[in-house]
Each structure stands twice: as structure tokens, then as C-alpha cells.
Amino acid sequence: MALEQQTDYGARLDLAGRGFVVLGTGAGIGGEVCRALTQAGARVLCVDQALAAAQRAADEVGGIAMAADITRRPDMEAVFARAQSEWGDDFQGVVDVVGVPVPGKLAETDDATYDRQFDLVLRHAWLTISIAGPMLAKTGSGSLIFIGSLGGLRYHPGVALYCTAKAALTMLVQAAADEFGPSGVRVNVVAPGRIRDSGVSRPSEDQWARISSATPLKRPGEPKEVAGAVLFLASDLSSYVTGETLVVDGGVRGMIATPAS
């Protein structure tokens, strides 16, 4: 009786030869995602609204830099056309890191602010799915990964529209996973909690101490921990995972927000 061949799990993590587009490659999570992918062997197209930011990330990891406004369809078409031109069928995935909160109360939000918030969270995700999804489907494989937020799963006061848009992102990903699953393309969300050196706000050390106290792991997260989750979803280690939201929050979501007795 022949012995069953053992799985080489290290090989399943290997991304050698695969091309990935990373949308939003500035400091923090975006830059760390570029490092994680390239250390696993991938090639990356580093995309940012500011060419200088994209170039910094590309120079560090040996990638390609490109400037684009990812809320505009022509720019996104150009991004994915570049990826296909560079890599052909080896274009195997997208990591969309962009998602900026626009604070404000619902009753005080004007139409322009509403549009801006959904552009900054949801529109570029939809464009990624509608443009890059069919490209990957033609090759019969690939992974679309979106950085969501704990705010899409639990409401946070002061950023109601942001939470709403992130919640919509989760549903958009589930729909895309269903539509593209038969073509072998997987679509998932990584939902971070509070992560140091990421986002537009910079809490004080006192604020970080309070965040740590409320977190079961008793510390905030780091960009590398989000990038690790992305690497899992980009690789064949997650070959049977799609339509999911992988929460990276140190356990915060499981806590009950009431005073201790």
C-alpha cells in the first residue's frame, strides 16, 4: 500500500512568480503587506495616490510604483491593465488597504461628505472586484483581499458612515465570493482592531494604554500582524477559504461593552 504523500505546508505559503497589486502602500499596513508578499516570493505593483509614497514602498521591496486615484474607474482600469501587462496570467491577486474614516454625526452629514466616505471605503472595492475579478477568473485562480475594520462589525460612535460602509464591504465580499468562486477566485476581508502606525489618527500613549487595557491580549496590534493575515489569505494555505472576514483585533470583538460588576 502506497504511503499518502505528505503536504508541504511551506510550499503552500510560497508565492514565487505571482504578481499582486497593493492599493494603498504608505506607512503602516500597506507597506507591511508589500514586505510580507515579497518575502514570500511575490512581485508587487505598489499603488498610492501619491507617487512618492508608492515609490518608497516599491524601492524597499523591489516592486513597481504607480500613482492612481483608486476612486476613479479610468485610474483603476489603468492599474489592472498595468498588472496584466507586467505579469500576464501570473497576475494573481489584489490587496486593497485603503479605507479612511470621515468623522461626523449622521444628521450633520452633507451629501458631499456621504459620497466621499463611501468612495474612500466601498467604491474602490467594487471597482477592484468588477475590473480585476474577471481578469483573475480567466486564469482560474487568484485572491482578492480587502482590509476592512472592526467598525464594520461593531458600531463606533462618531464614525457612523464609516462603520456602515465597512459593513457594506463585508456583504460585497460575500457576494463576490459567490460570483467568482466557480472560477477559482477567492475573495476575503481582514478586519483589524486598533493597530499602531496605521490610519489617519494617532492616539496618545495614554489612549494606547486604555486601548490595551480593554483588549484581551493587553496590547494594540501591529501592522505585521495584519500583514500576516493577508499573507495567509493570499497563499494556498487558505485555498478553501472565501467569503470570510478574518478578524485581527486581539480579542476585542468578543468583549461585552458593559462596566465590570
Protein backbone atom coordinates (compact mmCIF):
# COMPACT_ATOMS: atom_id res chain seq x y z
CA MET A 1 0.00 0.00 0.00
CA ALA A 2 1.49 3.32 -1.05
CA LEU A 3 2.06 5.87 1.66
CA GLU A 4 -0.04 9.01 1.40
CA GLN A 5 2.10 11.89 0.22
CA GLN A 6 2.54 14.43 2.98
CA THR A 7 1.57 18.04 2.37
CA ASP A 8 4.43 20.52 2.14
CA TYR A 9 2.94 23.45 4.04
CA GLY A 10 5.94 25.67 3.43
CA ALA A 11 5.41 25.25 -0.30
CA ARG A 12 1.77 26.23 0.09
CA LEU A 13 2.89 29.55 1.56
CA ASP A 14 5.24 30.20 -1.37
CA LEU A 15 4.08 32.99 -3.72
CA ALA A 16 7.06 32.81 -6.08
CA GLY A 17 6.25 34.14 -9.53
CA ARG A 18 2.83 35.53 -8.60
CA GLY A 19 2.01 39.18 -9.15
CA PHE A 20 -0.05 41.18 -6.66
CA VAL A 21 -1.40 44.71 -6.76
CA VAL A 22 -1.36 46.50 -3.41
CA LEU A 23 -3.65 49.53 -3.25
CA GLY A 24 -2.54 52.00 -0.59
CA THR A 25 1.16 51.41 0.06
CA GLY A 26 2.02 54.17 2.51
CA ALA A 27 3.38 53.68 6.00
CA GLY A 28 1.72 51.17 8.28
CA ILE A 29 -0.34 48.27 6.99
CA GLY A 30 0.14 48.92 3.26
CA GLY A 31 3.91 48.97 3.41
CA GLU A 32 3.99 45.91 5.65
CA VAL A 33 1.74 44.00 3.25
CA CYS A 34 4.21 44.72 0.44
CA ARG A 35 7.04 43.37 2.57
CA ALA A 36 5.11 40.23 3.54
CA LEU A 37 4.14 39.39 -0.05
CA THR A 38 7.61 39.91 -1.47
CA GLN A 39 9.29 37.93 1.31
CA ALA A 40 7.05 35.03 0.27
CA GLY A 41 8.29 35.42 -3.31
CA ALA A 42 5.59 37.59 -4.89
CA ARG A 43 6.09 40.55 -7.18
CA VAL A 44 4.12 43.66 -6.31
CA LEU A 45 2.70 46.71 -8.03
CA CYS A 46 2.67 49.39 -5.34
CA VAL A 47 -0.20 51.84 -5.91
CA ASP A 48 -0.80 55.04 -3.99
CA GLN A 49 -2.41 58.39 -4.75
CA ALA A 50 0.99 59.99 -4.11
CA LEU A 51 3.68 58.65 -6.43
CA ALA A 52 6.35 59.36 -3.81
CA ALA A 53 4.66 57.02 -1.34
CA ALA A 54 4.28 54.31 -3.96
CA GLN A 55 7.90 54.72 -4.99
CA ARG A 56 9.17 54.41 -1.43
CA ALA A 57 7.34 51.13 -0.98
CA ALA A 58 8.43 49.84 -4.38
CA ASP A 59 12.08 50.75 -3.80
CA GLU A 60 12.10 48.86 -0.50
CA VAL A 61 10.71 45.61 -1.89
CA GLY A 62 11.88 45.70 -5.50
CA GLY A 63 8.39 46.36 -6.79
CA ILE A 64 6.81 48.65 -9.36
CA ALA A 65 5.43 52.06 -8.37
CA MET A 66 2.28 53.61 -9.80
CA ALA A 67 0.18 56.62 -8.83
CA ALA A 68 -3.60 56.41 -9.13
CA ASP A 69 -6.82 57.76 -7.69
CA ILE A 70 -8.47 54.44 -6.91
CA THR A 71 -11.91 56.03 -6.58
CA ARG A 72 -11.89 56.68 -10.36
CA ARG A 73 -12.68 53.91 -12.84
CA PRO A 74 -10.18 55.08 -15.53
CA ASP A 75 -7.35 55.03 -12.98
CA MET A 76 -8.31 51.57 -11.74
CA GLU A 77 -8.56 50.25 -15.30
CA ALA A 78 -5.05 51.57 -15.87
CA VAL A 79 -3.75 49.92 -12.69
CA PHE A 80 -5.04 46.46 -13.54
CA ALA A 81 -4.08 46.80 -17.21
CA ARG A 82 -0.53 47.51 -15.98
CA ALA A 83 -0.61 44.42 -13.77
CA GLN A 84 -1.78 42.24 -16.62
CA SER A 85 0.80 43.76 -18.94
CA GLU A 86 3.61 43.10 -16.45
CA TRP A 87 2.63 39.58 -15.41
CA GLY A 88 0.02 38.15 -17.77
CA ASP A 89 -1.59 35.06 -16.24
CA ASP A 90 0.81 35.36 -13.29
CA PHE A 91 -1.27 38.32 -12.09
CA GLN A 92 -2.81 36.51 -9.13
CA GLY A 93 -4.23 38.95 -6.66
CA VAL A 94 -5.07 42.32 -5.18
CA VAL A 95 -4.77 43.61 -1.63
CA ASP A 96 -6.88 46.75 -1.11
CA VAL A 97 -5.72 48.54 2.03
CA VAL A 98 -7.46 51.89 1.52
CA GLY A 99 -10.24 52.95 3.90
CA VAL A 100 -10.29 56.37 5.54
CA PRO A 101 -12.91 57.36 8.15
CA VAL A 102 -14.71 60.68 7.76
CA PRO A 103 -16.00 61.56 11.26
CA GLY A 104 -19.38 63.14 11.83
CA LYS A 105 -22.91 62.61 13.09
CA LEU A 106 -25.50 61.30 10.68
CA ALA A 107 -27.84 64.28 10.96
CA GLU A 108 -24.95 66.69 10.35
CA THR A 109 -23.53 64.95 7.26
CA ASP A 110 -24.00 66.60 3.88
CA ASP A 111 -24.26 64.84 0.53
CA ALA A 112 -20.65 65.52 -0.43
CA THR A 113 -19.36 64.00 2.80
CA TYR A 114 -21.59 60.96 2.33
CA ASP A 115 -20.26 60.43 -1.18
CA ARG A 116 -16.67 60.92 -0.05
CA GLN A 117 -16.98 58.38 2.76
CA PHE A 118 -18.37 55.67 0.51
CA ASP A 119 -15.80 56.48 -2.18
CA LEU A 120 -13.00 56.04 0.38
CA VAL A 121 -14.28 52.69 1.65
CA LEU A 122 -16.58 50.98 -0.83
CA ARG A 123 -16.29 52.36 -4.35
CA HIS A 124 -12.69 51.27 -4.93
CA ALA A 125 -13.50 47.81 -3.56
CA TRP A 126 -16.34 47.49 -6.06
CA LEU A 127 -14.07 48.71 -8.86
CA THR A 128 -11.43 46.17 -7.85
CA ILE A 129 -13.95 43.35 -7.93
CA SER A 130 -15.58 44.42 -11.19
CA ILE A 131 -12.32 45.07 -13.08
CA ALA A 132 -9.71 42.74 -11.58
CA GLY A 133 -12.13 39.93 -10.72
CA PRO A 134 -12.83 38.92 -14.34
CA MET A 135 -9.11 39.12 -15.16
CA LEU A 136 -8.30 36.63 -12.42
CA ALA A 137 -11.29 34.47 -13.33
CA LYS A 138 -9.86 33.93 -16.82
CA THR A 139 -6.75 32.35 -15.26
CA GLY A 140 -8.83 30.13 -12.98
CA SER A 141 -7.26 31.29 -9.73
CA GLY A 142 -6.41 34.31 -7.63
CA SER A 143 -7.19 36.12 -4.40
CA LEU A 144 -8.86 39.46 -3.71
CA ILE A 145 -8.23 40.68 -0.17
CA PHE A 146 -9.77 43.79 1.38
CA ILE A 147 -8.76 45.47 4.62
CA GLY A 148 -11.99 46.04 6.47
CA SER A 149 -12.39 47.16 10.06
CA LEU A 150 -13.76 46.06 13.37
CA GLY A 151 -16.02 49.07 12.77
CA GLY A 152 -17.79 47.07 10.08
CA LEU A 153 -18.77 44.52 12.71
CA ARG A 154 -19.34 46.74 15.74
CA TYR A 155 -20.53 50.35 15.70
CA HIS A 156 -18.12 53.03 16.90
CA PRO A 157 -19.59 56.42 17.91
CA GLY A 158 -18.62 59.36 15.75
CA VAL A 159 -17.90 57.40 12.57
CA ALA A 160 -21.34 56.06 11.70
CA LEU A 161 -20.97 56.27 7.92
CA TYR A 162 -17.53 54.68 8.06
CA CYS A 163 -18.92 51.74 10.02
CA THR A 164 -21.83 51.48 7.61
CA ALA A 165 -19.54 51.47 4.58
CA LYS A 166 -17.24 48.85 6.16
CA ALA A 167 -20.26 46.68 6.94
CA ALA A 168 -21.31 47.01 3.30
CA LEU A 169 -17.81 45.94 2.27
CA THR A 170 -18.30 42.68 4.14
CA MET A 171 -21.50 41.96 2.23
CA LEU A 172 -19.91 43.00 -1.08
CA VAL A 173 -17.11 40.49 -0.46
CA GLN A 174 -19.57 37.71 0.34
CA ALA A 175 -21.42 38.41 -2.91
CA ALA A 176 -18.18 38.49 -4.91
CA ALA A 177 -17.03 35.23 -3.32
CA ASP A 178 -20.23 33.60 -4.54
CA GLU A 179 -19.97 35.06 -8.05
CA PHE A 180 -16.29 34.32 -8.61
CA GLY A 181 -16.00 31.09 -6.64
CA PRO A 182 -16.81 28.87 -9.64
CA SER A 183 -13.86 30.48 -11.45
CA GLY A 184 -11.43 29.65 -8.66
CA VAL A 185 -11.08 33.23 -7.38
CA ARG A 186 -11.28 33.71 -3.62
CA VAL A 187 -12.47 36.96 -2.01
CA ASN A 188 -11.97 37.77 1.68
CA VAL A 189 -11.76 40.58 4.25
CA VAL A 190 -9.24 41.16 7.02
CA ALA A 191 -10.83 43.25 9.78
CA PRO A 192 -8.26 44.81 12.12
CA GLY A 193 -8.89 46.32 15.51
CA ARG A 194 -6.65 49.13 16.76
CA ILE A 195 -3.29 48.87 15.02
CA ARG A 196 -0.27 51.04 15.75
CA ASP A 197 1.21 53.18 12.97
CA SER A 198 -1.87 52.88 10.78
CA GLY A 199 -4.83 55.05 9.84
CA VAL A 200 -5.11 58.81 9.95
CA SER A 201 -5.45 59.20 13.73
CA ARG A 202 -2.52 58.87 16.10
CA PRO A 203 -3.64 58.10 19.67
CA SER A 204 -1.54 59.36 22.55
CA GLU A 205 0.31 56.90 24.76
CA ASP A 206 -2.39 57.36 27.41
CA GLN A 207 -5.01 56.43 24.83
CA TRP A 208 -2.99 53.40 23.74
CA ALA A 209 -2.80 52.35 27.38
CA ARG A 210 -6.60 52.46 27.65
CA ILE A 211 -6.94 50.54 24.37
CA SER A 212 -4.51 47.92 25.69
CA SER A 213 -6.43 47.63 28.96
CA ALA A 214 -9.67 46.91 27.07
CA THR A 215 -8.02 44.27 24.84
CA PRO A 216 -7.78 40.64 25.99
CA LEU A 217 -4.19 40.42 24.70
CA LYS A 218 -3.47 43.66 26.63
CA ARG A 219 -1.79 45.47 23.75
CA PRO A 220 -2.65 47.08 20.43
CA GLY A 221 -1.93 45.26 17.20
CA GLU A 222 0.97 45.88 14.84
CA PRO A 223 0.92 46.20 11.04
CA LYS A 224 2.90 42.96 10.69
CA GLU A 225 0.05 41.07 12.36
CA VAL A 226 -2.43 42.33 9.77
CA ALA A 227 0.07 41.59 7.00
CA GLY A 228 0.41 38.04 8.33
CA ALA A 229 -3.33 37.51 7.95
CA VAL A 230 -3.15 38.92 4.41
CA LEU A 231 -0.29 36.56 3.56
CA PHE A 232 -2.35 33.60 4.74
CA LEU A 233 -5.28 34.63 2.54
CA ALA A 234 -3.03 35.32 -0.44
CA SER A 235 -1.37 31.91 -0.25
CA ASP A 236 -2.53 28.36 -0.91
CA LEU A 237 -2.70 27.80 2.84
CA SER A 238 -6.18 29.37 2.60
CA SER A 239 -7.20 27.58 -0.61
CA TYR A 240 -10.61 26.63 0.84
CA VAL A 241 -11.33 30.00 2.46
CA THR A 242 -13.55 32.51 0.68
CA GLY A 243 -16.29 34.98 1.58
CA GLU A 244 -14.86 35.27 5.09
CA THR A 245 -13.96 38.09 7.45
CA LEU A 246 -10.78 37.32 9.36
CA VAL A 247 -10.77 39.49 12.49
CA VAL A 248 -7.36 40.63 13.78
CA ASP A 249 -8.27 42.57 16.93
CA GLY A 250 -6.60 40.92 19.92
CA GLY A 251 -9.96 39.56 21.06
CA VAL A 252 -11.83 42.87 21.42
CA ARG A 253 -14.88 41.79 19.43
CA GLY A 254 -15.69 39.11 21.98
CA MET A 255 -15.81 41.52 24.91
CA ILE A 256 -19.09 42.83 26.36
CA ALA A 257 -19.08 46.63 26.49
CA THR A 258 -20.56 46.99 29.99
CA PRO A 259 -18.88 48.02 33.27
CA ALA A 260 -17.44 45.24 35.40
CA SER A 261 -19.56 44.41 38.49
